[in-house]
């Protein structure tokens, strides 16, 4: 995961992704799942940030789709609604310590979010949950344009034409934490402790 390409995403530019790139994104996602299981949130951030920095927005989109695939593919029927869409609340409490910790670690990547309270974290997570659920629901029903629109709302802070602000930082961090922890919840990885 150390090679670079002309016009690659190492400065946030988008670029076409090769099969090898998708394999590297899958490997990084696996690292993220291991780090969540270990509650090593700086490790989660390193693996996730590598995707965004090296593969650009297309890599981040590919990661989000892989995380949604894991949620949709592994959620048991009892965790789904009548249409077969996984229900976030059946997998995670919005006060889950992993979600809170990952949200806090994500926020430290943005100057706009470094100073925050637990109440602000909880509010951001509660506001992000419906958007993440909407993204997964659109993905489940193969509504590509709607899924993309929900994903863009989740990560509005990374849009180049937007000036980052505190609301965007809180939403992006909470969305990342919820989607990653939700996917990790259904992972086969179980690390004691």
Protein backbone atom coordinates (compact mmCIF):
# COMPACT_ATOMS: atom_id res chain seq x y z
CA UNK A 1 0.00 0.00 0.00
CA UNK A 2 2.99 2.27 -0.40
CA UNK A 3 3.04 2.81 -4.18
CA UNK A 4 1.84 5.99 -5.84
CA UNK A 5 0.55 6.73 -9.32
CA UNK A 6 0.43 9.76 -11.58
CA UNK A 7 -2.75 11.68 -10.72
CA UNK A 8 -3.44 9.40 -7.76
CA UNK A 9 -5.59 10.36 -4.80
CA UNK A 10 -2.69 11.16 -2.50
CA UNK A 11 -3.80 14.77 -2.36
CA UNK A 12 -7.51 14.05 -2.46
CA UNK A 13 -7.86 13.93 -6.25
CA UNK A 14 -10.11 11.30 -7.72
CA UNK A 15 -8.71 8.72 -10.12
CA UNK A 16 -9.87 5.49 -11.73
CA UNK A 17 -9.40 2.48 -9.44
CA UNK A 18 -7.81 -0.73 -10.66
CA UNK A 19 -8.57 -4.24 -9.45
CA UNK A 20 -5.40 -4.03 -7.34
CA UNK A 21 -6.64 -0.76 -5.82
CA UNK A 22 -9.93 -2.43 -4.86
CA UNK A 23 -7.98 -5.30 -3.31
CA UNK A 24 -5.91 -2.83 -1.27
CA UNK A 25 -9.09 -1.05 -0.14
CA UNK A 26 -10.51 -4.42 0.94
CA UNK A 27 -7.31 -5.15 2.89
CA UNK A 28 -7.46 -1.75 4.59
CA UNK A 29 -11.11 -2.34 5.49
CA UNK A 30 -10.11 -5.67 7.04
CA UNK A 31 -7.49 -3.82 9.08
CA UNK A 32 -10.19 -1.38 10.18
CA UNK A 33 -12.40 -4.26 11.37
CA UNK A 34 -9.50 -5.77 13.35
CA UNK A 35 -8.73 -2.42 14.96
CA UNK A 36 -12.40 -1.88 15.91
CA UNK A 37 -12.47 -5.35 17.50
CA UNK A 38 -9.33 -4.42 19.48
CA UNK A 39 -10.74 -0.96 20.31
CA UNK A 40 -7.63 0.50 18.69
CA UNK A 41 -9.25 3.59 17.19
CA UNK A 42 -6.02 5.32 16.13
CA UNK A 43 -5.40 2.12 14.10
CA UNK A 44 -8.89 2.39 12.57
CA UNK A 45 -8.13 6.00 11.63
CA UNK A 46 -4.77 5.13 10.05
CA UNK A 47 -6.30 2.38 7.89
CA UNK A 48 -9.30 4.50 6.89
CA UNK A 49 -7.29 7.67 6.29
CA UNK A 50 -4.92 5.77 4.00
CA UNK A 51 -7.85 4.96 1.73
CA UNK A 52 -9.04 8.56 1.55
CA UNK A 53 -5.59 10.05 1.08
CA UNK A 54 -4.20 7.48 -1.37
CA UNK A 55 -7.29 6.56 -3.39
CA UNK A 56 -9.20 9.84 -3.19
CA UNK A 57 -12.99 10.20 -3.14
CA UNK A 58 -13.45 7.10 -5.32
CA UNK A 59 -11.62 5.06 -2.72
CA UNK A 60 -13.77 6.47 0.07
CA UNK A 61 -16.89 5.61 -1.94
CA UNK A 62 -15.56 2.09 -2.55
CA UNK A 63 -14.92 1.70 1.19
CA UNK A 64 -18.45 2.88 2.07
CA UNK A 65 -19.92 0.39 -0.40
CA UNK A 66 -17.82 -2.43 1.09
CA UNK A 67 -18.95 -1.51 4.61
CA UNK A 68 -22.59 -1.43 3.48
CA UNK A 69 -22.10 -4.79 1.74
CA UNK A 70 -20.89 -6.26 5.01
CA UNK A 71 -23.88 -4.89 6.94
CA UNK A 72 -26.43 -6.02 4.35
CA UNK A 73 -24.77 -9.35 3.70
CA UNK A 74 -24.17 -10.41 7.29
CA UNK A 75 -27.08 -8.96 9.29
CA UNK A 76 -29.35 -11.78 10.49
CA UNK A 77 -33.01 -11.57 9.54
CA UNK A 78 -34.00 -10.68 13.10
CA UNK A 79 -31.92 -7.50 12.75
CA UNK A 80 -33.79 -6.43 9.59
CA UNK A 81 -37.07 -4.68 8.91
CA UNK A 82 -39.93 -6.14 6.86
CA UNK A 83 -38.14 -5.17 3.62
CA UNK A 84 -34.91 -6.93 4.62
CA UNK A 85 -33.01 -3.73 5.44
CA UNK A 86 -30.75 -4.04 8.50
CA UNK A 87 -31.85 -1.83 11.40
CA UNK A 88 -28.97 0.03 13.02
CA UNK A 89 -30.56 0.07 16.49
CA UNK A 90 -30.70 -3.75 16.50
CA UNK A 91 -26.91 -3.91 16.13
CA UNK A 92 -25.65 -0.88 18.03
CA UNK A 93 -26.77 1.42 20.79
CA UNK A 94 -26.23 5.05 19.90
CA UNK A 95 -24.31 5.28 23.19
CA UNK A 96 -22.01 2.38 22.24
CA UNK A 97 -18.53 3.18 23.55
CA UNK A 98 -16.90 2.04 20.29
CA UNK A 99 -19.03 4.49 18.30
CA UNK A 100 -18.30 7.31 20.75
CA UNK A 101 -14.55 6.62 20.77
CA UNK A 102 -14.30 6.34 17.01
CA UNK A 103 -16.32 9.53 16.56
CA UNK A 104 -13.96 11.35 18.92
CA UNK A 105 -10.89 10.02 17.09
CA UNK A 106 -12.37 11.04 13.71
CA UNK A 107 -13.08 14.53 15.03
CA UNK A 108 -9.42 14.99 15.90
CA UNK A 109 -8.63 14.85 12.18
CA UNK A 110 -10.45 18.18 11.72
CA UNK A 111 -9.56 21.44 13.49
CA UNK A 112 -13.29 22.26 13.55
CA UNK A 113 -14.02 19.27 15.80
CA UNK A 114 -11.12 18.96 18.20
CA UNK A 115 -12.89 20.56 21.16
CA UNK A 116 -16.11 18.69 21.93
CA UNK A 117 -18.15 17.33 24.82
CA UNK A 118 -19.71 13.90 25.31
CA UNK A 119 -23.14 15.53 24.87
CA UNK A 120 -22.04 16.89 21.48
CA UNK A 121 -20.76 13.45 20.47
CA UNK A 122 -24.05 11.84 21.45
CA UNK A 123 -26.06 14.50 19.61
CA UNK A 124 -23.93 14.08 16.46
CA UNK A 125 -24.32 10.29 16.59
CA UNK A 126 -28.10 10.58 17.04
CA UNK A 127 -28.35 12.99 14.08
CA UNK A 128 -26.09 10.81 11.91
CA UNK A 129 -27.90 7.52 12.55
CA UNK A 130 -30.84 8.20 10.18
CA UNK A 131 -28.50 9.24 7.35
CA UNK A 132 -26.34 6.12 7.75
CA UNK A 133 -29.48 3.98 7.92
CA UNK A 134 -30.80 5.68 4.78
CA UNK A 135 -27.52 4.99 2.95
CA UNK A 136 -27.63 1.29 3.87
CA UNK A 137 -31.32 1.06 2.93
CA UNK A 138 -30.73 2.59 -0.51
CA UNK A 139 -27.74 0.30 -0.99
CA UNK A 140 -29.82 -2.76 -0.03
CA UNK A 141 -32.48 -1.87 -2.62
CA UNK A 142 -29.88 -1.00 -5.30
CA UNK A 143 -30.97 2.63 -5.53
CA UNK A 144 -27.55 3.82 -6.65
CA UNK A 145 -28.27 7.53 -7.09
CA UNK A 146 -30.08 7.75 -3.74
CA UNK A 147 -27.27 5.85 -2.00
CA UNK A 148 -24.70 8.21 -3.50
CA UNK A 149 -26.71 11.27 -2.43
CA UNK A 150 -26.98 9.94 1.15
CA UNK A 151 -23.23 9.22 1.20
CA UNK A 152 -22.48 12.75 0.00
CA UNK A 153 -24.60 14.16 2.85
CA UNK A 154 -22.71 11.92 5.28
CA UNK A 155 -19.33 13.31 4.17
CA UNK A 156 -20.18 16.86 3.17
CA UNK A 157 -17.05 18.02 5.01
CA UNK A 158 -14.80 16.44 2.36
CA UNK A 159 -16.47 18.17 -0.59
CA UNK A 160 -13.89 20.47 -2.13
CA UNK A 161 -16.39 23.26 -2.75
CA UNK A 162 -17.55 23.35 0.87
CA UNK A 163 -15.75 25.24 3.60
CA UNK A 164 -15.45 22.73 6.46
CA UNK A 165 -17.40 23.65 9.56
CA UNK A 166 -18.14 22.12 12.93
CA UNK A 167 -21.49 20.63 11.87
CA UNK A 168 -19.88 18.87 8.89
CA UNK A 169 -17.02 17.58 11.05
CA UNK A 170 -19.39 16.18 13.68
CA UNK A 171 -21.64 14.57 11.05
CA UNK A 172 -18.78 13.04 9.07
CA UNK A 173 -17.10 11.66 12.18
CA UNK A 174 -20.33 10.18 13.55
CA UNK A 175 -21.28 8.68 10.17
CA UNK A 176 -17.86 7.06 9.82
CA UNK A 177 -18.06 5.65 13.32
CA UNK A 178 -21.58 4.30 12.92
CA UNK A 179 -21.01 2.68 9.52
CA UNK A 180 -17.65 1.17 10.50
CA UNK A 181 -18.83 -0.12 13.89
CA UNK A 182 -22.04 -1.48 12.32
CA UNK A 183 -20.05 -3.42 9.74
CA UNK A 184 -17.62 -4.58 12.42
CA UNK A 185 -20.52 -5.79 14.57
CA UNK A 186 -21.35 -8.37 11.90
CA UNK A 187 -17.75 -9.30 11.20
CA UNK A 188 -16.57 -12.81 11.93
CA UNK A 189 -13.69 -11.22 13.83
CA UNK A 190 -14.06 -11.75 17.56
CA UNK A 191 -11.10 -10.69 19.66
CA UNK A 192 -11.44 -11.21 23.42
CA UNK A 193 -10.82 -8.35 25.79
